[in-house]
């Protein structure tokens, strides 16, 4: 069965069939063909524990479980859509509201941001506008991310860490560590109230997805 196909930069066509169920952002279905069913879900592959963790924190993204036999067109708010294919070797880290659709075969988890950087991880969430929890996707399959203006993929290597504006960060995959750093020079030049006074430093081996905007979803 063919995989995810871009209709244009903001619309995606996804095949659905036996063994190829998906979870989608609630309200993101634009059209579909064939006998396809949509059911609200509170776990979306997270498992009860992950769903409860997000509920306690007041952070969640309403999802639909899509089954049947057909083809579904997805899009949301005119945002750009980027397809990411996982080969089982990497873990994808993304905010829940960035996920437009993902294969049900992927293992979905929830990582508390404090696990990466302790207090700095929590501060990063406050500064960047991200929540305290990040969704993780593992396994073989596809997913689609939402962004303002599309994304660029920047490679991260041990010899070449990448610094990203927290507001422009969308997701990352691979064996990557991240921490919040202070760009003193920029803060003095732009003003201490500017978010550009802070940066995310990502190091290790992987890829970071950076959007062409500083707007959050």
C-alpha atoms as a PDB file:
ATOM      1  CA  UNK A   1       0.000   0.000   0.000  1.00  0.00           C
ATOM      2  CA  UNK A   2       1.437   3.432  -0.895  1.00  0.00           C
ATOM      3  CA  UNK A   3       2.555   5.707   1.908  1.00  0.00           C
ATOM      4  CA  UNK A   4       1.716   9.297   2.808  1.00  0.00           C
ATOM      5  CA  UNK A   5       1.396  11.537  -0.251  1.00  0.00           C
ATOM      6  CA  UNK A   6       1.533  15.336  -0.247  1.00  0.00           C
ATOM      7  CA  UNK A   7      -1.325  16.902  -2.193  1.00  0.00           C
ATOM      8  CA  UNK A   8       0.337  20.280  -1.689  1.00  0.00           C
ATOM      9  CA  UNK A   9       2.396  21.868   1.082  1.00  0.00           C
ATOM     10  CA  UNK A  10      -0.637  22.045   3.391  1.00  0.00           C
ATOM     11  CA  UNK A  11      -2.651  18.928   2.540  1.00  0.00           C
ATOM     12  CA  UNK A  12      -1.790  15.264   2.911  1.00  0.00           C
ATOM     13  CA  UNK A  13      -3.361  12.063   1.574  1.00  0.00           C
ATOM     14  CA  UNK A  14      -2.998   8.997   3.781  1.00  0.00           C
ATOM     15  CA  UNK A  15      -4.014   5.416   2.874  1.00  0.00           C
ATOM     16  CA  UNK A  16      -5.950   3.465   5.511  1.00  0.00           C
ATOM     17  CA  UNK A  17      -6.460  -0.287   5.451  1.00  0.00           C
ATOM     18  CA  UNK A  18      -6.029  -3.540   7.364  1.00  0.00           C
ATOM     19  CA  UNK A  19      -2.833  -3.265   9.373  1.00  0.00           C
ATOM     20  CA  UNK A  20      -2.491   0.392   8.421  1.00  0.00           C
ATOM     21  CA  UNK A  21      -4.574   2.305  10.927  1.00  0.00           C
ATOM     22  CA  UNK A  22      -3.610   5.831  11.909  1.00  0.00           C
ATOM     23  CA  UNK A  23      -4.192   8.407  14.628  1.00  0.00           C
ATOM     24  CA  UNK A  24      -4.989  11.940  13.492  1.00  0.00           C
ATOM     25  CA  UNK A  25      -5.444  15.329  15.076  1.00  0.00           C
ATOM     26  CA  UNK A  26      -9.118  15.789  15.843  1.00  0.00           C
ATOM     27  CA  UNK A  27     -10.769  18.082  13.315  1.00  0.00           C
ATOM     28  CA  UNK A  28      -7.978  17.627  10.752  1.00  0.00           C
ATOM     29  CA  UNK A  29      -9.924  15.380   8.345  1.00  0.00           C
ATOM     30  CA  UNK A  30     -10.662  17.310   5.140  1.00  0.00           C
ATOM     31  CA  UNK A  31     -12.177  14.554   2.991  1.00  0.00           C
ATOM     32  CA  UNK A  32     -12.035  10.789   2.522  1.00  0.00           C
ATOM     33  CA  UNK A  33     -12.972   8.006   0.141  1.00  0.00           C
ATOM     34  CA  UNK A  34     -14.029   4.457   0.970  1.00  0.00           C
ATOM     35  CA  UNK A  35     -15.538   2.959   4.155  1.00  0.00           C
ATOM     36  CA  UNK A  36     -13.400   4.778   6.726  1.00  0.00           C
ATOM     37  CA  UNK A  37     -14.334   5.222  10.387  1.00  0.00           C
ATOM     38  CA  UNK A  38     -13.239   7.881  12.883  1.00  0.00           C
ATOM     39  CA  UNK A  39     -13.397   7.367  16.655  1.00  0.00           C
ATOM     40  CA  UNK A  40     -12.309   9.832  19.362  1.00  0.00           C
ATOM     41  CA  UNK A  41      -9.487   8.542  21.559  1.00  0.00           C
ATOM     42  CA  UNK A  42      -7.936   9.818  24.762  1.00  0.00           C
ATOM     43  CA  UNK A  43      -4.780   7.710  24.534  1.00  0.00           C
ATOM     44  CA  UNK A  44      -3.816   7.847  20.806  1.00  0.00           C
ATOM     45  CA  UNK A  45      -1.262   5.134  21.412  1.00  0.00           C
ATOM     46  CA  UNK A  46       0.152   6.742  24.549  1.00  0.00           C
ATOM     47  CA  UNK A  47      -1.289   4.142  26.877  1.00  0.00           C
ATOM     48  CA  UNK A  48      -3.340   5.028  29.940  1.00  0.00           C
ATOM     49  CA  UNK A  49      -0.315   6.183  31.959  1.00  0.00           C
ATOM     50  CA  UNK A  50       0.829   8.673  29.358  1.00  0.00           C
ATOM     51  CA  UNK A  51      -2.677  10.001  28.856  1.00  0.00           C
ATOM     52  CA  UNK A  52      -3.142  10.474  32.594  1.00  0.00           C
ATOM     53  CA  UNK A  53       0.197  12.264  32.875  1.00  0.00           C
ATOM     54  CA  UNK A  54      -0.830  14.781  30.248  1.00  0.00           C
ATOM     55  CA  UNK A  55      -4.286  15.177  31.774  1.00  0.00           C
ATOM     56  CA  UNK A  56      -2.826  15.975  35.198  1.00  0.00           C
ATOM     57  CA  UNK A  57      -0.573  18.582  33.604  1.00  0.00           C
ATOM     58  CA  UNK A  58      -3.470  19.985  31.581  1.00  0.00           C
ATOM     59  CA  UNK A  59      -1.616  19.180  28.359  1.00  0.00           C
ATOM     60  CA  UNK A  60      -3.152  17.057  25.652  1.00  0.00           C
ATOM     61  CA  UNK A  61      -4.057  17.038  21.988  1.00  0.00           C
ATOM     62  CA  UNK A  62      -7.411  15.538  21.008  1.00  0.00           C
ATOM     63  CA  UNK A  63      -6.935  12.709  18.507  1.00  0.00           C
ATOM     64  CA  UNK A  64      -9.002  10.416  16.305  1.00  0.00           C
ATOM     65  CA  UNK A  65      -8.447   6.694  15.636  1.00  0.00           C
ATOM     66  CA  UNK A  66      -8.891   6.182  11.885  1.00  0.00           C
ATOM     67  CA  UNK A  67      -9.717   2.683  10.604  1.00  0.00           C
ATOM     68  CA  UNK A  68     -11.347   1.038   7.601  1.00  0.00           C
ATOM     69  CA  UNK A  69     -10.345   0.799   3.960  1.00  0.00           C
ATOM     70  CA  UNK A  70      -9.802   3.918   1.913  1.00  0.00           C
ATOM     71  CA  UNK A  71      -7.907   7.165   1.656  1.00  0.00           C
ATOM     72  CA  UNK A  72      -8.107  10.227   3.922  1.00  0.00           C
ATOM     73  CA  UNK A  73      -7.057  13.808   3.232  1.00  0.00           C
ATOM     74  CA  UNK A  74      -5.709  15.732   6.233  1.00  0.00           C
ATOM     75  CA  UNK A  75      -4.813  19.362   6.926  1.00  0.00           C
ATOM     76  CA  UNK A  76      -5.119  21.814   9.809  1.00  0.00           C
ATOM     77  CA  UNK A  77      -5.472  25.581   9.932  1.00  0.00           C
ATOM     78  CA  UNK A  78      -3.636  26.124   6.668  1.00  0.00           C
ATOM     79  CA  UNK A  79      -0.395  25.080   8.371  1.00  0.00           C
ATOM     80  CA  UNK A  80       2.411  23.456   6.404  1.00  0.00           C
ATOM     81  CA  UNK A  81       2.690  19.677   6.594  1.00  0.00           C
ATOM     82  CA  UNK A  82       5.990  17.766   6.685  1.00  0.00           C
ATOM     83  CA  UNK A  83       6.164  13.960   6.463  1.00  0.00           C
ATOM     84  CA  UNK A  84       8.747  12.166   8.601  1.00  0.00           C
ATOM     85  CA  UNK A  85       9.515   8.494   7.967  1.00  0.00           C
ATOM     86  CA  UNK A  86      10.987   6.492  10.858  1.00  0.00           C
ATOM     87  CA  UNK A  87      13.049   3.391  10.168  1.00  0.00           C
ATOM     88  CA  UNK A  88      13.107   1.988  13.690  1.00  0.00           C
ATOM     89  CA  UNK A  89      16.554   3.341  14.546  1.00  0.00           C
ATOM     90  CA  UNK A  90      15.615   6.809  15.788  1.00  0.00           C
ATOM     91  CA  UNK A  91      13.150   8.307  18.237  1.00  0.00           C
ATOM     92  CA  UNK A  92      11.193  11.389  17.166  1.00  0.00           C
ATOM     93  CA  UNK A  93      10.490  14.040  19.808  1.00  0.00           C
ATOM     94  CA  UNK A  94       7.674  16.501  19.076  1.00  0.00           C
ATOM     95  CA  UNK A  95       5.002  18.503  20.823  1.00  0.00           C
ATOM     96  CA  UNK A  96       1.633  16.743  20.739  1.00  0.00           C
ATOM     97  CA  UNK A  97      -0.099  19.606  18.937  1.00  0.00           C
ATOM     98  CA  UNK A  98       2.495  19.406  16.148  1.00  0.00           C
ATOM     99  CA  UNK A  99       1.330  15.906  15.180  1.00  0.00           C
ATOM    100  CA  UNK A 100      -1.176  15.936  12.339  1.00  0.00           C
ATOM    101  CA  UNK A 101      -1.284  12.166  11.805  1.00  0.00           C
ATOM    102  CA  UNK A 102       0.850   9.121  12.610  1.00  0.00           C
ATOM    103  CA  UNK A 103       0.767   5.402  11.951  1.00  0.00           C
ATOM    104  CA  UNK A 104      -0.873   3.401  14.733  1.00  0.00           C
ATOM    105  CA  UNK A 105       2.014   0.940  14.460  1.00  0.00           C
ATOM    106  CA  UNK A 106       4.424   3.471  15.965  1.00  0.00           C
ATOM    107  CA  UNK A 107       5.136   3.237  19.672  1.00  0.00           C
ATOM    108  CA  UNK A 108       3.991   6.455  21.310  1.00  0.00           C
ATOM    109  CA  UNK A 109       5.345   7.670  24.618  1.00  0.00           C
ATOM    110  CA  UNK A 110       5.510  10.757  26.801  1.00  0.00           C
ATOM    111  CA  UNK A 111       8.730  12.277  28.096  1.00  0.00           C
ATOM    112  CA  UNK A 112       8.765  14.775  30.936  1.00  0.00           C
ATOM    113  CA  UNK A 113      10.924  17.673  29.815  1.00  0.00           C
ATOM    114  CA  UNK A 114      12.637  17.794  33.196  1.00  0.00           C
ATOM    115  CA  UNK A 115      14.287  14.473  32.287  1.00  0.00           C
ATOM    116  CA  UNK A 116      16.424  16.343  29.764  1.00  0.00           C
ATOM    117  CA  UNK A 117      18.231  19.068  31.631  1.00  0.00           C
ATOM    118  CA  UNK A 118      16.436  18.961  34.980  1.00  0.00           C
ATOM    119  CA  UNK A 119      15.294  22.438  35.952  1.00  0.00           C
ATOM    120  CA  UNK A 120      16.666  23.796  32.695  1.00  0.00           C
ATOM    121  CA  UNK A 121      14.277  21.511  30.838  1.00  0.00           C
ATOM    122  CA  UNK A 122      11.352  23.033  32.706  1.00  0.00           C
ATOM    123  CA  UNK A 123      12.668  26.558  32.174  1.00  0.00           C
ATOM    124  CA  UNK A 124      12.965  25.756  28.487  1.00  0.00           C
ATOM    125  CA  UNK A 125       9.265  24.922  28.421  1.00  0.00           C
ATOM    126  CA  UNK A 126       8.367  28.223  30.065  1.00  0.00           C
ATOM    127  CA  UNK A 127      10.611  30.277  27.786  1.00  0.00           C
ATOM    128  CA  UNK A 128       9.702  28.543  24.540  1.00  0.00           C
ATOM    129  CA  UNK A 129       5.991  28.259  25.206  1.00  0.00           C
ATOM    130  CA  UNK A 130       6.203  24.466  25.019  1.00  0.00           C
ATOM    131  CA  UNK A 131       4.500  22.276  27.559  1.00  0.00           C
ATOM    132  CA  UNK A 132       6.236  20.163  30.173  1.00  0.00           C
ATOM    133  CA  UNK A 133       5.649  16.973  28.202  1.00  0.00           C
ATOM    134  CA  UNK A 134       7.020  15.961  24.811  1.00  0.00           C
ATOM    135  CA  UNK A 135       5.567  13.162  22.686  1.00  0.00           C
ATOM    136  CA  UNK A 136       7.963  10.454  21.516  1.00  0.00           C
ATOM    137  CA  UNK A 137       7.445   8.209  18.476  1.00  0.00           C
ATOM    138  CA  UNK A 138       9.449   5.025  17.896  1.00  0.00           C
ATOM    139  CA  UNK A 139       9.401   2.144  15.442  1.00  0.00           C
ATOM    140  CA  UNK A 140       8.857   1.806  11.708  1.00  0.00           C
ATOM    141  CA  UNK A 141       6.247   4.031  10.143  1.00  0.00           C
ATOM    142  CA  UNK A 142       5.337   7.554   9.148  1.00  0.00           C
ATOM    143  CA  UNK A 143       4.009  10.689  10.773  1.00  0.00           C
ATOM    144  CA  UNK A 144       3.274  14.241   9.682  1.00  0.00           C
ATOM    145  CA  UNK A 145       4.239  17.435  11.519  1.00  0.00           C
ATOM    146  CA  UNK A 146       2.573  20.848  11.413  1.00  0.00           C
ATOM    147  CA  UNK A 147       4.544  24.080  11.155  1.00  0.00           C
ATOM    148  CA  UNK A 148       4.242  27.731  10.241  1.00  0.00           C
ATOM    149  CA  UNK A 149       5.852  28.264   6.854  1.00  0.00           C
ATOM    150  CA  UNK A 150       7.360  24.804   6.484  1.00  0.00           C
ATOM    151  CA  UNK A 151      10.515  23.393   8.030  1.00  0.00           C
ATOM    152  CA  UNK A 152      14.176  22.930   7.246  1.00  0.00           C
ATOM    153  CA  UNK A 153      16.072  19.868   8.454  1.00  0.00           C
ATOM    154  CA  UNK A 154      19.386  20.661  10.107  1.00  0.00           C
ATOM    155  CA  UNK A 155      21.799  17.777  10.768  1.00  0.00           C
ATOM    156  CA  UNK A 156      23.284  17.523  14.258  1.00  0.00           C
ATOM    157  CA  UNK A 157      26.639  15.888  14.827  1.00  0.00           C
ATOM    158  CA  UNK A 158      29.009  15.618  17.801  1.00  0.00           C
ATOM    159  CA  UNK A 159      31.376  17.976  15.996  1.00  0.00           C
ATOM    160  CA  UNK A 160      28.622  20.381  14.992  1.00  0.00           C
ATOM    161  CA  UNK A 161      25.912  21.148  17.568  1.00  0.00           C
ATOM    162  CA  UNK A 162      23.009  23.298  16.412  1.00  0.00           C
ATOM    163  CA  UNK A 163      21.542  26.360  18.164  1.00  0.00           C
ATOM    164  CA  UNK A 164      17.837  27.011  17.538  1.00  0.00           C
ATOM    165  CA  UNK A 165      15.473  29.792  18.513  1.00  0.00           C
ATOM    166  CA  UNK A 166      13.083  28.060  20.968  1.00  0.00           C
ATOM    167  CA  UNK A 167      10.075  29.555  19.178  1.00  0.00           C
ATOM    168  CA  UNK A 168      11.223  28.115  15.846  1.00  0.00           C
ATOM    169  CA  UNK A 169      11.845  24.594  17.177  1.00  0.00           C
ATOM    170  CA  UNK A 170       9.368  21.990  15.885  1.00  0.00           C
ATOM    171  CA  UNK A 171      10.847  18.549  16.611  1.00  0.00           C
ATOM    172  CA  UNK A 172      14.016  16.493  16.567  1.00  0.00           C
ATOM    173  CA  UNK A 173      15.017  12.871  16.128  1.00  0.00           C
ATOM    174  CA  UNK A 174      18.047  10.775  16.917  1.00  0.00           C
ATOM    175  CA  UNK A 175      20.387  10.545  19.890  1.00  0.00           C
ATOM    176  CA  UNK A 176      20.223  14.208  20.794  1.00  0.00           C
ATOM    177  CA  UNK A 177      20.645  16.130  24.036  1.00  0.00           C
ATOM    178  CA  UNK A 178      19.221  19.607  24.378  1.00  0.00           C
ATOM    179  CA  UNK A 179      19.647  22.413  26.849  1.00  0.00           C
ATOM    180  CA  UNK A 180      18.645  26.025  27.142  1.00  0.00           C
ATOM    181  CA  UNK A 181      21.458  28.545  26.802  1.00  0.00           C
ATOM    182  CA  UNK A 182      21.590  32.304  27.207  1.00  0.00           C
ATOM    183  CA  UNK A 183      22.863  34.392  24.322  1.00  0.00           C
ATOM    184  CA  UNK A 184      24.138  37.365  26.286  1.00  0.00           C
ATOM    185  CA  UNK A 185      25.201  39.341  23.237  1.00  0.00           C
ATOM    186  CA  UNK A 186      21.816  39.002  21.585  1.00  0.00           C
ATOM    187  CA  UNK A 187      20.010  39.914  24.793  1.00  0.00           C
ATOM    188  CA  UNK A 188      22.011  43.105  25.097  1.00  0.00           C
ATOM    189  CA  UNK A 189      21.500  43.973  21.433  1.00  0.00           C
ATOM    190  CA  UNK A 190      17.820  43.085  21.029  1.00  0.00           C
ATOM    191  CA  UNK A 191      16.554  43.567  24.548  1.00  0.00           C
ATOM    192  CA  UNK A 192      16.127  41.334  27.558  1.00  0.00           C
ATOM    193  CA  UNK A 193      12.433  40.902  26.843  1.00  0.00           C
ATOM    194  CA  UNK A 194      13.160  39.218  23.545  1.00  0.00           C
ATOM    195  CA  UNK A 195      12.891  35.446  23.274  1.00  0.00           C
ATOM    196  CA  UNK A 196      15.975  35.529  21.075  1.00  0.00           C
ATOM    197  CA  UNK A 197      18.011  36.082  24.213  1.00  0.00           C
ATOM    198  CA  UNK A 198      17.651  32.309  24.710  1.00  0.00           C
ATOM    199  CA  UNK A 199      18.634  29.443  22.455  1.00  0.00           C
ATOM    200  CA  UNK A 200      18.213  25.691  22.386  1.00  0.00           C
ATOM    201  CA  UNK A 201      21.539  23.936  22.004  1.00  0.00           C
ATOM    202  CA  UNK A 202      21.152  20.485  20.458  1.00  0.00           C
ATOM    203  CA  UNK A 203      24.136  18.132  20.437  1.00  0.00           C
ATOM    204  CA  UNK A 204      24.720  14.493  19.565  1.00  0.00           C
ATOM    205  CA  UNK A 205      23.691  12.742  16.345  1.00  0.00           C
ATOM    206  CA  UNK A 206      20.405  13.392  14.600  1.00  0.00           C
ATOM    207  CA  UNK A 207      18.237  15.996  12.905  1.00  0.00           C
ATOM    208  CA  UNK A 208      16.290  19.015  14.155  1.00  0.00           C
ATOM    209  CA  UNK A 209      13.245  20.416  12.357  1.00  0.00           C
ATOM    210  CA  UNK A 210      13.118  24.227  12.397  1.00  0.00           C
ATOM    211  CA  UNK A 211      10.120  26.170  11.140  1.00  0.00           C
ATOM    212  CA  UNK A 212      10.194  29.402   9.140  1.00  0.00           C
ATOM    213  CA  UNK A 213       8.454  31.354  11.872  1.00  0.00           C
ATOM    214  CA  UNK A 214       8.556  32.113  15.593  1.00  0.00           C
ATOM    215  CA  UNK A 215       4.841  31.408  16.031  1.00  0.00           C
ATOM    216  CA  UNK A 216       3.611  28.533  18.155  1.00  0.00           C
ATOM    217  CA  UNK A 217       0.556  26.440  17.299  1.00  0.00           C
END
